[in-house]
Amino acid sequence: MAKGVVEVHGQEVEVREDTYKAYRGVRWAIICIIVFAAIVAVLFLGGFLTTLKNGGPSSPVQTEQSTH
């Protein structure tokens, strides 16, 4: 049976291959969630700062009046 080594609390522990793959999958899932949250935060803050720079949010009525 294949083995894998994972680090738990600073110690290397030898585990079965299926346990190692599950550990690695959970680690990748957490990393992907963090990266996704960071991208969403950057896009949200970019849109928020653009709105503030343009004088605040405008209603659809104000937008319609400014185009005519």
PDB file of N, CA and C in Angstrom:
ATOM      1  N   MET A   1       0.847  -1.175   0.000  1.00  0.00           N
ATOM      2  CA  MET A   1       0.000   0.000   0.000  1.00  0.00           C
ATOM      3  C   MET A   1       0.892   1.237   0.000  1.00  0.00           C
ATOM      4  N   ALA A   2       0.538   2.216  -0.829  1.00  0.00           N
ATOM      5  CA  ALA A   2       1.326   3.433  -0.943  1.00  0.00           C
ATOM      6  C   ALA A   2       1.127   4.305   0.289  1.00  0.00           C
ATOM      7  N   LYS A   3       2.156   5.068   0.583  1.00  0.00           N
ATOM      8  CA  LYS A   3       2.124   5.963   1.744  1.00  0.00           C
ATOM      9  C   LYS A   3       2.428   7.379   1.285  1.00  0.00           C
ATOM     10  N   GLY A   4       2.026   8.327   2.088  1.00  0.00           N
ATOM     11  CA  GLY A   4       2.329   9.725   1.850  1.00  0.00           C
ATOM     12  C   GLY A   4       2.701  10.364   3.173  1.00  0.00           C
ATOM     13  N   VAL A   5       3.396  11.487   3.116  1.00  0.00           N
ATOM     14  CA  VAL A   5       3.818  12.182   4.327  1.00  0.00           C
ATOM     15  C   VAL A   5       3.138  13.532   4.367  1.00  0.00           C
ATOM     16  N   VAL A   6       2.467  13.813   5.493  1.00  0.00           N
ATOM     17  CA  VAL A   6       1.839  15.117   5.702  1.00  0.00           C
ATOM     18  C   VAL A   6       2.443  15.728   6.958  1.00  0.00           C
ATOM     19  N   GLU A   7       2.390  17.061   7.016  1.00  0.00           N
ATOM     20  CA  GLU A   7       2.918  17.760   8.181  1.00  0.00           C
ATOM     21  C   GLU A   7       1.755  18.206   9.047  1.00  0.00           C
ATOM     22  N   VAL A   8       1.738  17.750  10.288  1.00  0.00           N
ATOM     23  CA  VAL A   8       0.679  18.088  11.229  1.00  0.00           C
ATOM     24  C   VAL A   8       1.326  18.671  12.479  1.00  0.00           C
ATOM     25  N   HIS A   9       1.017  19.931  12.769  1.00  0.00           N
ATOM     26  CA  HIS A   9       1.571  20.617  13.949  1.00  0.00           C
ATOM     27  C   HIS A   9       3.095  20.551  13.971  1.00  0.00           C
ATOM     28  N   GLY A  10       3.709  20.724  12.813  1.00  0.00           N
ATOM     29  CA  GLY A  10       5.157  20.745  12.723  1.00  0.00           C
ATOM     30  C   GLY A  10       5.828  19.386  12.692  1.00  0.00           C
ATOM     31  N   GLN A  11       5.071  18.323  12.758  1.00  0.00           N
ATOM     32  CA  GLN A  11       5.649  16.982  12.719  1.00  0.00           C
ATOM     33  C   GLN A  11       5.212  16.279  11.446  1.00  0.00           C
ATOM     34  N   GLU A  12       6.134  15.544  10.841  1.00  0.00           N
ATOM     35  CA  GLU A  12       5.798  14.778   9.647  1.00  0.00           C
ATOM     36  C   GLU A  12       5.180  13.448  10.060  1.00  0.00           C
ATOM     37  N   VAL A  13       4.023  13.142   9.473  1.00  0.00           N
ATOM     38  CA  VAL A  13       3.294  11.928   9.809  1.00  0.00           C
ATOM     39  C   VAL A  13       3.094  11.129   8.524  1.00  0.00           C
ATOM     40  N   GLU A  14       3.396   9.845   8.560  1.00  0.00           N
ATOM     41  CA  GLU A  14       3.203   8.973   7.400  1.00  0.00           C
ATOM     42  C   GLU A  14       1.785   8.420   7.438  1.00  0.00           C
ATOM     43  N   VAL A  15       1.051   8.617   6.336  1.00  0.00           N
ATOM     44  CA  VAL A  15      -0.351   8.190   6.263  1.00  0.00           C
ATOM     45  C   VAL A  15      -0.571   7.402   4.975  1.00  0.00           C
ATOM     46  N   ARG A  16      -1.734   6.740   4.898  1.00  0.00           N
ATOM     47  CA  ARG A  16      -2.085   6.006   3.681  1.00  0.00           C
ATOM     48  C   ARG A  16      -2.290   6.979   2.527  1.00  0.00           C
ATOM     49  N   GLU A  17      -2.231   6.451   1.311  1.00  0.00           N
ATOM     50  CA  GLU A  17      -2.344   7.283   0.115  1.00  0.00           C
ATOM     51  C   GLU A  17      -3.700   7.980   0.025  1.00  0.00           C
ATOM     52  N   ASP A  18      -4.786   7.293   0.351  1.00  0.00           N
ATOM     53  CA  ASP A  18      -6.098   7.918   0.259  1.00  0.00           C
ATOM     54  C   ASP A  18      -6.250   9.051   1.270  1.00  0.00           C
ATOM     55  N   THR A  19      -5.688   8.883   2.457  1.00  0.00           N
ATOM     56  CA  THR A  19      -5.717   9.944   3.464  1.00  0.00           C
ATOM     57  C   THR A  19      -4.883  11.131   2.998  1.00  0.00           C
ATOM     58  N   TYR A  20      -3.731  10.852   2.402  1.00  0.00           N
ATOM     59  CA  TYR A  20      -2.864  11.908   1.885  1.00  0.00           C
ATOM     60  C   TYR A  20      -3.569  12.699   0.786  1.00  0.00           C
ATOM     61  N   LYS A  21      -4.253  11.998  -0.120  1.00  0.00           N
ATOM     62  CA  LYS A  21      -4.962  12.687  -1.201  1.00  0.00           C
ATOM     63  C   LYS A  21      -6.106  13.530  -0.662  1.00  0.00           C
ATOM     64  N   ALA A  22      -6.805  13.034   0.351  1.00  0.00           N
ATOM     65  CA  ALA A  22      -7.886  13.815   0.964  1.00  0.00           C
ATOM     66  C   ALA A  22      -7.324  15.061   1.639  1.00  0.00           C
ATOM     67  N   TYR A  23      -6.213  14.916   2.341  1.00  0.00           N
ATOM     68  CA  TYR A  23      -5.560  16.053   3.008  1.00  0.00           C
ATOM     69  C   TYR A  23      -5.144  17.099   1.983  1.00  0.00           C
ATOM     70  N   ARG A  24      -4.545  16.631   0.893  1.00  0.00           N
ATOM     71  CA  ARG A  24      -4.104  17.539  -0.167  1.00  0.00           C
ATOM     72  C   ARG A  24      -5.295  18.227  -0.831  1.00  0.00           C
ATOM     73  N   GLY A  25      -6.396  17.495  -1.031  1.00  0.00           N
ATOM     74  CA  GLY A  25      -7.593  18.078  -1.635  1.00  0.00           C
ATOM     75  C   GLY A  25      -8.214  19.145  -0.769  1.00  0.00           C
ATOM     76  N   VAL A  26      -8.266  18.904   0.523  1.00  0.00           N
ATOM     77  CA  VAL A  26      -8.817  19.909   1.441  1.00  0.00           C
ATOM     78  C   VAL A  26      -7.935  21.144   1.451  1.00  0.00           C
ATOM     79  N   ARG A  27      -6.627  20.945   1.439  1.00  0.00           N
ATOM     80  CA  ARG A  27      -5.705  22.082   1.433  1.00  0.00           C
ATOM     81  C   ARG A  27      -5.905  22.930   0.168  1.00  0.00           C
ATOM     82  N   TRP A  28      -6.040  22.288  -0.990  1.00  0.00           N
ATOM     83  CA  TRP A  28      -6.266  23.016  -2.238  1.00  0.00           C
ATOM     84  C   TRP A  28      -7.615  23.722  -2.225  1.00  0.00           C
ATOM     85  N   ALA A  29      -8.631  23.100  -1.657  1.00  0.00           N
ATOM     86  CA  ALA A  29      -9.948  23.734  -1.576  1.00  0.00           C
ATOM     87  C   ALA A  29      -9.892  25.008  -0.747  1.00  0.00           C
ATOM     88  N   ILE A  30      -9.204  24.952   0.374  1.00  0.00           N
ATOM     89  CA  ILE A  30      -9.081  26.140   1.233  1.00  0.00           C
ATOM     90  C   ILE A  30      -8.319  27.246   0.508  1.00  0.00           C
ATOM     91  N   ILE A  31      -7.243  26.887  -0.179  1.00  0.00           N
ATOM     92  CA  ILE A  31      -6.465  27.883  -0.930  1.00  0.00           C
ATOM     93  C   ILE A  31      -7.328  28.515  -2.020  1.00  0.00           C
ATOM     94  N   CYS A  32      -8.114  27.712  -2.739  1.00  0.00           N
ATOM     95  CA  CYS A  32      -8.972  28.242  -3.802  1.00  0.00           C
ATOM     96  C   CYS A  32     -10.041  29.177  -3.255  1.00  0.00           C
ATOM     97  N   ILE A  33     -10.607  28.845  -2.119  1.00  0.00           N
ATOM     98  CA  ILE A  33     -11.620  29.709  -1.503  1.00  0.00           C
ATOM     99  C   ILE A  33     -11.004  31.041  -1.091  1.00  0.00           C
ATOM    100  N   ILE A  34      -9.808  31.011  -0.524  1.00  0.00           N
ATOM    101  CA  ILE A  34      -9.135  32.249  -0.116  1.00  0.00           C
ATOM    102  C   ILE A  34      -8.821  33.113  -1.331  1.00  0.00           C
ATOM    103  N   VAL A  35      -8.319  32.499  -2.402  1.00  0.00           N
ATOM    104  CA  VAL A  35      -8.004  33.264  -3.622  1.00  0.00           C
ATOM    105  C   VAL A  35      -9.277  33.853  -4.218  1.00  0.00           C
ATOM    106  N   PHE A  36     -10.363  33.088  -4.267  1.00  0.00           N
ATOM    107  CA  PHE A  36     -11.630  33.591  -4.788  1.00  0.00           C
ATOM    108  C   PHE A  36     -12.128  34.769  -3.960  1.00  0.00           C
ATOM    109  N   ALA A  37     -12.057  34.665  -2.642  1.00  0.00           N
ATOM    110  CA  ALA A  37     -12.498  35.759  -1.773  1.00  0.00           C
ATOM    111  C   ALA A  37     -11.643  37.005  -1.985  1.00  0.00           C
ATOM    112  N   ALA A  38     -10.348  36.830  -2.196  1.00  0.00           N
ATOM    113  CA  ALA A  38      -9.465  37.974  -2.439  1.00  0.00           C
ATOM    114  C   ALA A  38      -9.808  38.658  -3.760  1.00  0.00           C
ATOM    115  N   ILE A  39     -10.088  37.881  -4.800  1.00  0.00           N
ATOM    116  CA  ILE A  39     -10.451  38.462  -6.095  1.00  0.00           C
ATOM    117  C   ILE A  39     -11.773  39.219  -5.991  1.00  0.00           C
ATOM    118  N   VAL A  40     -12.754  38.640  -5.306  1.00  0.00           N
ATOM    119  CA  VAL A  40     -14.049  39.308  -5.121  1.00  0.00           C
ATOM    120  C   VAL A  40     -13.859  40.608  -4.346  1.00  0.00           C
ATOM    121  N   ALA A  41     -13.023  40.586  -3.312  1.00  0.00           N
ATOM    122  CA  ALA A  41     -12.780  41.796  -2.517  1.00  0.00           C
ATOM    123  C   ALA A  41     -12.133  42.887  -3.366  1.00  0.00           C
ATOM    124  N   VAL A  42     -11.165  42.518  -4.200  1.00  0.00           N
ATOM    125  CA  VAL A  42     -10.498  43.508  -5.056  1.00  0.00           C
ATOM    126  C   VAL A  42     -11.496  44.109  -6.049  1.00  0.00           C
ATOM    127  N   LEU A  43     -12.325  43.277  -6.674  1.00  0.00           N
ATOM    128  CA  LEU A  43     -13.315  43.784  -7.623  1.00  0.00           C
ATOM    129  C   LEU A  43     -14.346  44.671  -6.927  1.00  0.00           C
ATOM    130  N   PHE A  44     -14.799  44.269  -5.743  1.00  0.00           N
ATOM    131  CA  PHE A  44     -15.774  45.062  -5.000  1.00  0.00           C
ATOM    132  C   PHE A  44     -15.185  46.417  -4.627  1.00  0.00           C
ATOM    133  N   LEU A  45     -13.972  46.415  -4.073  1.00  0.00           N
ATOM    134  CA  LEU A  45     -13.352  47.680  -3.680  1.00  0.00           C
ATOM    135  C   LEU A  45     -13.059  48.556  -4.892  1.00  0.00           C
ATOM    136  N   GLY A  46     -12.666  47.944  -6.004  1.00  0.00           N
ATOM    137  CA  GLY A  46     -12.432  48.728  -7.228  1.00  0.00           C
ATOM    138  C   GLY A  46     -13.702  49.401  -7.707  1.00  0.00           C
ATOM    139  N   GLY A  47     -14.805  48.676  -7.707  1.00  0.00           N
ATOM    140  CA  GLY A  47     -16.085  49.273  -8.104  1.00  0.00           C
ATOM    141  C   GLY A  47     -16.542  50.332  -7.128  1.00  0.00           C
ATOM    142  N   PHE A  48     -16.330  50.087  -5.844  1.00  0.00           N
ATOM    143  CA  PHE A  48     -16.726  51.057  -4.818  1.00  0.00           C
ATOM    144  C   PHE A  48     -15.926  52.349  -4.965  1.00  0.00           C
ATOM    145  N   LEU A  49     -14.617  52.229  -5.180  1.00  0.00           N
ATOM    146  CA  LEU A  49     -13.786  53.427  -5.336  1.00  0.00           C
ATOM    147  C   LEU A  49     -14.117  54.172  -6.626  1.00  0.00           C
ATOM    148  N   THR A  50     -14.439  53.459  -7.685  1.00  0.00           N
ATOM    149  CA  THR A  50     -14.843  54.107  -8.934  1.00  0.00           C
ATOM    150  C   THR A  50     -16.145  54.878  -8.746  1.00  0.00           C
ATOM    151  N   THR A  51     -17.080  54.291  -8.003  1.00  0.00           N
ATOM    152  CA  THR A  51     -18.348  54.969  -7.729  1.00  0.00           C
ATOM    153  C   THR A  51     -18.112  56.225  -6.918  1.00  0.00           C
ATOM    154  N   LEU A  52     -17.251  56.168  -5.924  1.00  0.00           N
ATOM    155  CA  LEU A  52     -16.963  57.347  -5.117  1.00  0.00           C
ATOM    156  C   LEU A  52     -16.279  58.427  -5.951  1.00  0.00           C
ATOM    157  N   LYS A  53     -15.390  58.016  -6.836  1.00  0.00           N
ATOM    158  CA  LYS A  53     -14.668  58.969  -7.671  1.00  0.00           C
ATOM    159  C   LYS A  53     -15.614  59.688  -8.637  1.00  0.00           C
ATOM    160  N   ASN A  54     -16.669  59.004  -9.089  1.00  0.00           N
ATOM    161  CA  ASN A  54     -17.607  59.585 -10.045  1.00  0.00           C
ATOM    162  C   ASN A  54     -18.732  60.367  -9.369  1.00  0.00           C
ATOM    163  N   GLY A  55     -18.650  60.600  -8.079  1.00  0.00           N
ATOM    164  CA  GLY A  55     -19.640  61.425  -7.410  1.00  0.00           C
ATOM    165  C   GLY A  55     -20.747  60.639  -6.738  1.00  0.00           C
ATOM    166  N   GLY A  56     -20.569  59.401  -6.521  1.00  0.00           N
ATOM    167  CA  GLY A  56     -21.560  58.601  -5.808  1.00  0.00           C
ATOM    168  C   GLY A  56     -22.486  57.880  -6.759  1.00  0.00           C
ATOM    169  N   PRO A  57     -23.311  57.028  -6.181  1.00  0.00           N
ATOM    170  CA  PRO A  57     -24.235  56.265  -7.024  1.00  0.00           C
ATOM    171  C   PRO A  57     -25.337  57.161  -7.582  1.00  0.00           C
ATOM    172  N   SER A  58     -25.783  56.841  -8.786  1.00  0.00           N
ATOM    173  CA  SER A  58     -26.870  57.604  -9.386  1.00  0.00           C
ATOM    174  C   SER A  58     -28.048  56.670  -9.640  1.00  0.00           C
ATOM    175  N   SER A  59     -29.237  57.220  -9.512  1.00  0.00           N
ATOM    176  CA  SER A  59     -30.436  56.418  -9.735  1.00  0.00           C
ATOM    177  C   SER A  59     -30.688  56.282 -11.235  1.00  0.00           C
ATOM    178  N   PRO A  60     -31.528  55.344 -11.651  1.00  0.00           N
ATOM    179  CA  PRO A  60     -31.841  55.222 -13.064  1.00  0.00           C
ATOM    180  C   PRO A  60     -32.492  56.485 -13.640  1.00  0.00           C
ATOM    181  N   VAL A  61     -33.249  57.207 -12.817  1.00  0.00           N
ATOM    182  CA  VAL A  61     -33.882  58.453 -13.272  1.00  0.00           C
ATOM    183  C   VAL A  61     -32.813  59.483 -13.573  1.00  0.00           C
ATOM    184  N   GLN A  62     -31.814  59.608 -12.707  1.00  0.00           N
ATOM    185  CA  GLN A  62     -30.732  60.565 -12.963  1.00  0.00           C
ATOM    186  C   GLN A  62     -29.953  60.192 -14.215  1.00  0.00           C
ATOM    187  N   THR A  63     -29.734  58.925 -14.420  1.00  0.00           N
ATOM    188  CA  THR A  63     -29.019  58.472 -15.610  1.00  0.00           C
ATOM    189  C   THR A  63     -29.823  58.783 -16.870  1.00  0.00           C
ATOM    190  N   GLU A  64     -31.132  58.532 -16.823  1.00  0.00           N
ATOM    191  CA  GLU A  64     -32.020  58.804 -17.966  1.00  0.00           C
ATOM    192  C   GLU A  64     -32.046  60.290 -18.280  1.00  0.00           C
ATOM    193  N   GLN A  65     -32.093  61.144 -17.279  1.00  0.00           N
ATOM    194  CA  GLN A  65     -32.133  62.597 -17.479  1.00  0.00           C
ATOM    195  C   GLN A  65     -30.805  63.114 -18.037  1.00  0.00           C
ATOM    196  N   SER A  66     -29.696  62.520 -17.633  1.00  0.00           N
ATOM    197  CA  SER A  66     -28.404  63.012 -18.094  1.00  0.00           C
ATOM    198  C   SER A  66     -28.120  62.617 -19.541  1.00  0.00           C
ATOM    199  N   THR A  67     -28.798  61.591 -20.062  1.00  0.00           N
ATOM    200  CA  THR A  67     -28.553  61.188 -21.445  1.00  0.00           C
ATOM    201  C   THR A  67     -29.386  61.995 -22.445  1.00  0.00           C
ATOM    202  N   HIS A  68     -30.413  62.701 -21.979  1.00  0.00           N
ATOM    203  CA  HIS A  68     -31.253  63.488 -22.903  1.00  0.00           C
ATOM    204  C   HIS A  68     -30.863  64.905 -22.909  1.00  0.00           C
TER     205      HIS A  68
END
